[in-house]
PDB file of N, CA and C in Angstrom:
ATOM      1  N   UNK A   1      14.454  -1.896 -25.124  1.00  0.00           N
ATOM      2  CA  UNK A   1      13.481  -1.852 -24.106  1.00  0.00           C
ATOM      3  C   UNK A   1      12.018  -1.331 -24.447  1.00  0.00           C
ATOM      4  N   UNK A   2      11.096  -1.850 -24.315  1.00  0.00           N
ATOM      5  CA  UNK A   2       9.841  -1.425 -24.844  1.00  0.00           C
ATOM      6  C   UNK A   2       9.495  -0.444 -23.858  1.00  0.00           C
ATOM      7  N   UNK A   3       7.938   0.323 -24.014  1.00  0.00           N
ATOM      8  CA  UNK A   3       7.600   1.182 -23.322  1.00  0.00           C
ATOM      9  C   UNK A   3       7.133   0.574 -21.609  1.00  0.00           C
ATOM     10  N   UNK A   4       6.573  -0.655 -22.097  1.00  0.00           N
ATOM     11  CA  UNK A   4       5.976  -1.077 -20.610  1.00  0.00           C
ATOM     12  C   UNK A   4       7.405  -1.516 -19.775  1.00  0.00           C
ATOM     13  N   UNK A   5       8.184  -1.899 -20.280  1.00  0.00           N
ATOM     14  CA  UNK A   5       9.543  -2.246 -19.442  1.00  0.00           C
ATOM     15  C   UNK A   5      10.234  -1.075 -18.751  1.00  0.00           C
ATOM     16  N   UNK A   6       9.973   0.034 -19.485  1.00  0.00           N
ATOM     17  CA  UNK A   6      10.794   1.458 -19.003  1.00  0.00           C
ATOM     18  C   UNK A   6       9.857   1.795 -17.744  1.00  0.00           C
ATOM     19  N   UNK A   7       8.568   1.680 -18.102  1.00  0.00           N
ATOM     20  CA  UNK A   7       7.659   2.078 -16.837  1.00  0.00           C
ATOM     21  C   UNK A   7       7.624   1.305 -16.010  1.00  0.00           C
ATOM     22  N   UNK A   8       7.891  -0.012 -15.872  1.00  0.00           N
ATOM     23  CA  UNK A   8       7.768  -1.022 -14.743  1.00  0.00           C
ATOM     24  C   UNK A   8       9.180  -1.064 -14.033  1.00  0.00           C
ATOM     25  N   UNK A   9      10.083  -0.549 -14.823  1.00  0.00           N
ATOM     26  CA  UNK A   9      11.454  -0.318 -14.193  1.00  0.00           C
ATOM     27  C   UNK A   9      11.813   1.021 -13.409  1.00  0.00           C
ATOM     28  N   UNK A  10      10.775   1.977 -13.387  1.00  0.00           N
ATOM     29  CA  UNK A  10      10.901   3.076 -12.783  1.00  0.00           C
ATOM     30  C   UNK A  10      10.873   2.897 -11.232  1.00  0.00           C
ATOM     31  N   UNK A  11      10.525   1.865 -10.598  1.00  0.00           N
ATOM     32  CA  UNK A  11      10.559   1.690  -9.338  1.00  0.00           C
ATOM     33  C   UNK A  11      12.402   1.411  -8.972  1.00  0.00           C
ATOM     34  N   UNK A  12      12.768   1.174  -9.768  1.00  0.00           N
ATOM     35  CA  UNK A  12      14.294   1.111  -9.465  1.00  0.00           C
ATOM     36  C   UNK A  12      15.191   2.172  -9.782  1.00  0.00           C
ATOM     37  N   UNK A  13      14.367   3.388 -10.318  1.00  0.00           N
ATOM     38  CA  UNK A  13      15.407   4.430 -10.818  1.00  0.00           C
ATOM     39  C   UNK A  13      15.837   5.101  -9.186  1.00  0.00           C
ATOM     40  N   UNK A  14      16.590   6.051  -9.407  1.00  0.00           N
ATOM     41  CA  UNK A  14      17.499   6.780  -8.512  1.00  0.00           C
ATOM     42  C   UNK A  14      16.309   7.978  -8.074  1.00  0.00           C
ATOM     43  N   UNK A  15      15.356   8.703  -9.218  1.00  0.00           N
ATOM     44  CA  UNK A  15      14.763   9.672  -8.774  1.00  0.00           C
ATOM     45  C   UNK A  15      13.104   9.152  -9.058  1.00  0.00           C
ATOM     46  N   UNK A  16      12.295   9.840  -8.437  1.00  0.00           N
ATOM     47  CA  UNK A  16      11.153   9.447  -8.302  1.00  0.00           C
ATOM     48  C   UNK A  16      10.364  10.256  -9.664  1.00  0.00           C
ATOM     49  N   UNK A  17       9.646   9.809 -10.582  1.00  0.00           N
ATOM     50  CA  UNK A  17       8.977  10.205 -11.513  1.00  0.00           C
ATOM     51  C   UNK A  17       7.764  11.333 -11.091  1.00  0.00           C
ATOM     52  N   UNK A  18       7.733  12.236 -11.688  1.00  0.00           N
ATOM     53  CA  UNK A  18       6.610  13.268 -11.151  1.00  0.00           C
ATOM     54  C   UNK A  18       5.119  13.119 -12.320  1.00  0.00           C
ATOM     55  N   UNK A  19       5.343  12.671 -13.353  1.00  0.00           N
ATOM     56  CA  UNK A  19       4.433  12.880 -14.118  1.00  0.00           C
ATOM     57  C   UNK A  19       3.715  11.399 -14.214  1.00  0.00           C
ATOM     58  N   UNK A  20       2.371  11.476 -14.087  1.00  0.00           N
ATOM     59  CA  UNK A  20       1.698  10.511 -14.063  1.00  0.00           C
ATOM     60  C   UNK A  20       0.964   9.963 -15.496  1.00  0.00           C
ATOM     61  N   UNK A  21       0.922  10.899 -16.536  1.00  0.00           N
ATOM     62  CA  UNK A  21       0.494  10.772 -17.639  1.00  0.00           C
ATOM     63  C   UNK A  21       1.002   9.382 -18.694  1.00  0.00           C
ATOM     64  N   UNK A  22       2.295   9.485 -18.462  1.00  0.00           N
ATOM     65  CA  UNK A  22       2.946   8.216 -19.114  1.00  0.00           C
ATOM     66  C   UNK A  22       2.631   6.837 -18.330  1.00  0.00           C
ATOM     67  N   UNK A  23       2.056   6.689 -17.262  1.00  0.00           N
ATOM     68  CA  UNK A  23       2.134   5.762 -16.477  1.00  0.00           C
ATOM     69  C   UNK A  23       0.568   4.932 -16.564  1.00  0.00           C
ATOM     70  N   UNK A  24      -0.137   6.126 -16.496  1.00  0.00           N
ATOM     71  CA  UNK A  24      -1.726   6.083 -16.835  1.00  0.00           C
ATOM     72  C   UNK A  24      -1.773   5.849 -18.378  1.00  0.00           C
ATOM     73  N   UNK A  25      -1.331   6.090 -19.394  1.00  0.00           N
ATOM     74  CA  UNK A  25      -1.123   5.720 -20.430  1.00  0.00           C
ATOM     75  C   UNK A  25      -0.460   4.362 -20.770  1.00  0.00           C
ATOM     76  N   UNK A  26       0.410   3.996 -19.943  1.00  0.00           N
ATOM     77  CA  UNK A  26       0.950   3.016 -19.815  1.00  0.00           C
ATOM     78  C   UNK A  26       0.425   1.670 -19.417  1.00  0.00           C
ATOM     79  N   UNK A  27      -0.205   1.793 -18.447  1.00  0.00           N
ATOM     80  CA  UNK A  27      -1.217   1.001 -17.774  1.00  0.00           C
ATOM     81  C   UNK A  27      -2.256   0.461 -18.844  1.00  0.00           C
ATOM     82  N   UNK A  28      -2.888   1.365 -19.335  1.00  0.00           N
ATOM     83  CA  UNK A  28      -4.091   1.303 -20.320  1.00  0.00           C
ATOM     84  C   UNK A  28      -3.435   0.544 -21.688  1.00  0.00           C
ATOM     85  N   UNK A  29      -2.223   0.547 -22.100  1.00  0.00           N
ATOM     86  CA  UNK A  29      -1.640   0.034 -22.919  1.00  0.00           C
ATOM     87  C   UNK A  29      -1.283  -1.338 -22.809  1.00  0.00           C
ATOM     88  N   UNK A  30      -0.619  -1.777 -21.535  1.00  0.00           N
ATOM     89  CA  UNK A  30      -0.605  -3.093 -20.951  1.00  0.00           C
ATOM     90  C   UNK A  30      -1.798  -3.886 -20.865  1.00  0.00           C
ATOM     91  N   UNK A  31      -2.739  -3.238 -20.506  1.00  0.00           N
ATOM     92  CA  UNK A  31      -4.553  -3.944 -20.472  1.00  0.00           C
ATOM     93  C   UNK A  31      -4.707  -4.207 -21.842  1.00  0.00           C
ATOM     94  N   UNK A  32      -4.493  -3.250 -22.903  1.00  0.00           N
ATOM     95  CA  UNK A  32      -5.017  -3.404 -24.159  1.00  0.00           C
ATOM     96  C   UNK A  32      -4.389  -4.692 -25.044  1.00  0.00           C
ATOM     97  N   UNK A  33      -3.089  -4.748 -24.524  1.00  0.00           N
ATOM     98  CA  UNK A  33      -2.221  -5.798 -25.081  1.00  0.00           C
ATOM     99  C   UNK A  33      -2.546  -6.931 -24.660  1.00  0.00           C
ATOM    100  N   UNK A  34      -2.644  -7.121 -22.921  1.00  0.00           N
ATOM    101  CA  UNK A  34      -2.624  -8.714 -22.526  1.00  0.00           C
ATOM    102  C   UNK A  34      -4.134  -8.719 -21.921  1.00  0.00           C
ATOM    103  N   UNK A  35      -5.087  -8.161 -21.983  1.00  0.00           N
ATOM    104  CA  UNK A  35      -6.235  -8.419 -21.486  1.00  0.00           C
ATOM    105  C   UNK A  35      -6.517  -7.625 -20.192  1.00  0.00           C
ATOM    106  N   UNK A  36      -7.625  -7.801 -19.667  1.00  0.00           N
ATOM    107  CA  UNK A  36      -8.045  -7.253 -18.654  1.00  0.00           C
ATOM    108  C   UNK A  36      -7.676  -7.979 -17.225  1.00  0.00           C
ATOM    109  N   UNK A  37      -7.201  -9.242 -17.195  1.00  0.00           N
ATOM    110  CA  UNK A  37      -6.644  -9.611 -16.455  1.00  0.00           C
ATOM    111  C   UNK A  37      -5.157  -9.302 -15.807  1.00  0.00           C
ATOM    112  N   UNK A  38      -4.715  -8.556 -16.770  1.00  0.00           N
ATOM    113  CA  UNK A  38      -3.469  -8.111 -16.740  1.00  0.00           C
ATOM    114  C   UNK A  38      -3.070  -7.034 -15.660  1.00  0.00           C
ATOM    115  N   UNK A  39      -4.307  -6.337 -15.158  1.00  0.00           N
ATOM    116  CA  UNK A  39      -4.348  -5.526 -13.999  1.00  0.00           C
ATOM    117  C   UNK A  39      -3.841  -6.155 -12.629  1.00  0.00           C
ATOM    118  N   UNK A  40      -3.912  -7.404 -12.663  1.00  0.00           N
ATOM    119  CA  UNK A  40      -3.349  -8.242 -11.384  1.00  0.00           C
ATOM    120  C   UNK A  40      -1.887  -8.788 -11.570  1.00  0.00           C
ATOM    121  N   UNK A  41      -1.170  -8.573 -12.770  1.00  0.00           N
ATOM    122  CA  UNK A  41       0.253  -8.775 -12.976  1.00  0.00           C
ATOM    123  C   UNK A  41       1.285  -8.178 -12.183  1.00  0.00           C
ATOM    124  N   UNK A  42       2.199  -8.545 -12.151  1.00  0.00           N
ATOM    125  CA  UNK A  42       3.280  -7.661 -11.413  1.00  0.00           C
ATOM    126  C   UNK A  42       3.693  -6.467 -12.076  1.00  0.00           C
ATOM    127  N   UNK A  43       3.711  -6.487 -13.442  1.00  0.00           N
ATOM    128  CA  UNK A  43       3.914  -5.329 -14.331  1.00  0.00           C
ATOM    129  C   UNK A  43       3.009  -4.177 -13.871  1.00  0.00           C
ATOM    130  N   UNK A  44       1.463  -4.576 -14.167  1.00  0.00           N
ATOM    131  CA  UNK A  44       0.606  -3.700 -13.910  1.00  0.00           C
ATOM    132  C   UNK A  44       0.493  -2.743 -12.405  1.00  0.00           C
ATOM    133  N   UNK A  45       0.997  -4.045 -11.204  1.00  0.00           N
ATOM    134  CA  UNK A  45       1.182  -3.503 -10.029  1.00  0.00           C
ATOM    135  C   UNK A  45       2.187  -2.317  -9.796  1.00  0.00           C
ATOM    136  N   UNK A  46       3.273  -2.532 -10.453  1.00  0.00           N
ATOM    137  CA  UNK A  46       4.553  -1.643 -10.575  1.00  0.00           C
ATOM    138  C   UNK A  46       4.021  -0.630 -10.967  1.00  0.00           C
ATOM    139  N   UNK A  47       3.427  -0.388 -12.186  1.00  0.00           N
ATOM    140  CA  UNK A  47       2.506   0.960 -12.624  1.00  0.00           C
ATOM    141  C   UNK A  47       1.953   1.589 -11.592  1.00  0.00           C
ATOM    142  N   UNK A  48       1.113   0.545 -10.966  1.00  0.00           N
ATOM    143  CA  UNK A  48       0.012   1.111 -10.174  1.00  0.00           C
ATOM    144  C   UNK A  48       0.663   1.726  -9.106  1.00  0.00           C
ATOM    145  N   UNK A  49       1.722   1.263  -8.628  1.00  0.00           N
ATOM    146  CA  UNK A  49       2.530   1.690  -7.328  1.00  0.00           C
ATOM    147  C   UNK A  49       2.929   3.002  -7.594  1.00  0.00           C
ATOM    148  N   UNK A  50       3.654   3.158  -8.811  1.00  0.00           N
ATOM    149  CA  UNK A  50       4.099   4.685  -8.787  1.00  0.00           C
ATOM    150  C   UNK A  50       2.944   5.779  -8.834  1.00  0.00           C
ATOM    151  N   UNK A  51       1.895   5.206  -9.446  1.00  0.00           N
ATOM    152  CA  UNK A  51       0.725   6.070  -9.696  1.00  0.00           C
ATOM    153  C   UNK A  51       0.035   6.143  -8.262  1.00  0.00           C
ATOM    154  N   UNK A  52       0.012   5.341  -7.259  1.00  0.00           N
ATOM    155  CA  UNK A  52      -0.484   5.701  -5.857  1.00  0.00           C
ATOM    156  C   UNK A  52       0.282   6.476  -5.242  1.00  0.00           C
ATOM    157  N   UNK A  53       1.835   6.320  -5.400  1.00  0.00           N
ATOM    158  CA  UNK A  53       2.684   6.932  -4.543  1.00  0.00           C
ATOM    159  C   UNK A  53       2.496   8.243  -5.280  1.00  0.00           C
ATOM    160  N   UNK A  54       2.383   8.558  -6.267  1.00  0.00           N
ATOM    161  CA  UNK A  54       2.300  10.168  -6.863  1.00  0.00           C
ATOM    162  C   UNK A  54       0.797  10.685  -6.325  1.00  0.00           C
ATOM    163  N   UNK A  55      -0.192   9.571  -6.104  1.00  0.00           N
ATOM    164  CA  UNK A  55      -1.251  10.433  -5.585  1.00  0.00           C
ATOM    165  C   UNK A  55      -1.241  10.621  -4.029  1.00  0.00           C
ATOM    166  N   UNK A  56      -0.725   9.656  -3.487  1.00  0.00           N
ATOM    167  CA  UNK A  56      -0.926   9.747  -2.146  1.00  0.00           C
ATOM    168  C   UNK A  56       0.542  10.116  -1.448  1.00  0.00           C
ATOM    169  N   UNK A  57       1.481  10.202  -2.191  1.00  0.00           N
ATOM    170  CA  UNK A  57       2.867  10.575  -1.403  1.00  0.00           C
ATOM    171  C   UNK A  57       3.813   9.331  -1.554  1.00  0.00           C
ATOM    172  N   UNK A  58       4.887   9.346  -1.436  1.00  0.00           N
ATOM    173  CA  UNK A  58       5.856   8.287  -1.620  1.00  0.00           C
ATOM    174  C   UNK A  58       5.927   7.070  -0.411  1.00  0.00           C
ATOM    175  N   UNK A  59       5.785   7.799   0.700  1.00  0.00           N
ATOM    176  CA  UNK A  59       5.650   7.127   1.792  1.00  0.00           C
ATOM    177  C   UNK A  59       4.511   7.089   2.646  1.00  0.00           C
ATOM    178  N   UNK A  60       3.242   6.838   1.659  1.00  0.00           N
ATOM    179  CA  UNK A  60       2.022   6.857   2.560  1.00  0.00           C
ATOM    180  C   UNK A  60       1.719   5.387   2.611  1.00  0.00           C
ATOM    181  N   UNK A  61       0.907   5.181   3.739  1.00  0.00           N
ATOM    182  CA  UNK A  61       0.407   4.031   4.135  1.00  0.00           C
ATOM    183  C   UNK A  61      -0.796   3.847   3.769  1.00  0.00           C
ATOM    184  N   UNK A  62      -1.306   3.205   2.676  1.00  0.00           N
ATOM    185  CA  UNK A  62      -3.016   3.081   2.098  1.00  0.00           C
ATOM    186  C   UNK A  62      -3.638   1.784   2.588  1.00  0.00           C
ATOM    187  N   UNK A  63      -4.582   2.017   3.219  1.00  0.00           N
ATOM    188  CA  UNK A  63      -5.380   1.116   3.423  1.00  0.00           C
ATOM    189  C   UNK A  63      -6.841   1.144   2.699  1.00  0.00           C
ATOM    190  N   UNK A  64      -7.117  -0.109   1.669  1.00  0.00           N
ATOM    191  CA  UNK A  64      -7.931   0.012   0.934  1.00  0.00           C
ATOM    192  C   UNK A  64      -9.263   0.239   1.431  1.00  0.00           C
ATOM    193  N   UNK A  65      -9.685  -0.816   2.430  1.00  0.00           N
ATOM    194  CA  UNK A  65     -10.779  -0.325   3.055  1.00  0.00           C
ATOM    195  C   UNK A  65     -11.228   1.139   3.596  1.00  0.00           C
ATOM    196  N   UNK A  66     -10.247   1.725   4.253  1.00  0.00           N
ATOM    197  CA  UNK A  66     -10.346   3.211   4.751  1.00  0.00           C
ATOM    198  C   UNK A  66     -10.425   3.894   3.474  1.00  0.00           C
ATOM    199  N   UNK A  67      -9.751   4.136   2.378  1.00  0.00           N
ATOM    200  CA  UNK A  67     -10.025   4.673   1.267  1.00  0.00           C
ATOM    201  C   UNK A  67     -11.265   4.578   0.561  1.00  0.00           C
ATOM    202  N   UNK A  68     -11.753   3.233   0.583  1.00  0.00           N
ATOM    203  CA  UNK A  68     -13.260   2.947  -0.157  1.00  0.00           C
ATOM    204  C   UNK A  68     -14.063   4.075   0.822  1.00  0.00           C
ATOM    205  N   UNK A  69     -13.834   3.837   2.282  1.00  0.00           N
ATOM    206  CA  UNK A  69     -15.046   4.463   3.011  1.00  0.00           C
ATOM    207  C   UNK A  69     -14.776   5.741   2.905  1.00  0.00           C
ATOM    208  N   UNK A  70     -13.595   6.517   2.737  1.00  0.00           N
ATOM    209  CA  UNK A  70     -13.335   7.898   2.580  1.00  0.00           C
ATOM    210  C   UNK A  70     -13.912   8.749   0.944  1.00  0.00           C
ATOM    211  N   UNK A  71     -13.759   7.690   0.038  1.00  0.00           N
ATOM    212  CA  UNK A  71     -13.974   8.078  -1.056  1.00  0.00           C
ATOM    213  C   UNK A  71     -15.591   7.991  -1.674  1.00  0.00           C
ATOM    214  N   UNK A  72     -16.059   6.978  -0.868  1.00  0.00           N
ATOM    215  CA  UNK A  72     -17.509   6.803  -1.078  1.00  0.00           C
ATOM    216  C   UNK A  72     -18.152   7.584  -0.187  1.00  0.00           C
ATOM    217  N   UNK A  73     -17.526   8.389   0.681  1.00  0.00           N
ATOM    218  CA  UNK A  73     -18.427   9.577   1.749  1.00  0.00           C
ATOM    219  C   UNK A  73     -18.570  10.771   1.305  1.00  0.00           C
ATOM    220  N   UNK A  74     -17.512  10.952   0.151  1.00  0.00           N
ATOM    221  CA  UNK A  74     -17.215  12.488  -0.526  1.00  0.00           C
ATOM    222  C   UNK A  74     -18.351  12.468  -1.407  1.00  0.00           C
ATOM    223  N   UNK A  75     -19.034  13.849  -1.233  1.00  0.00           N
ATOM    224  CA  UNK A  75     -20.199  14.250  -2.340  1.00  0.00           C
ATOM    225  C   UNK A  75     -19.663  14.550  -3.528  1.00  0.00           C
ATOM    226  N   UNK A  76     -19.906  14.200  -4.852  1.00  0.00           N
ATOM    227  CA  UNK A  76     -19.673  14.511  -5.836  1.00  0.00           C
ATOM    228  C   UNK A  76     -20.405  15.607  -6.501  1.00  0.00           C
ATOM    229  N   UNK A  77     -19.441  16.437  -7.447  1.00  0.00           N
ATOM    230  CA  UNK A  77     -20.069  17.687  -8.029  1.00  0.00           C
ATOM    231  C   UNK A  77     -21.333  17.518  -8.619  1.00  0.00           C
TER     232      UNK A  77
END
């Protein structure tokens, strides 16, 4: 099993991964290998799901338009 396969199978694990670094690096690896359109692939979406759940919480409901409004109204340092 290669690195991308291990990361995309994390959704099927009994425990939830707590370290986002392997997933962020794995997403970058996947995109380097398959090209930028790979971001829309099920493999990329599985990795992104883990990262989103780590960021927002495993049981969060995320509305992309609401998040866009929230994040664009925050003043950057």
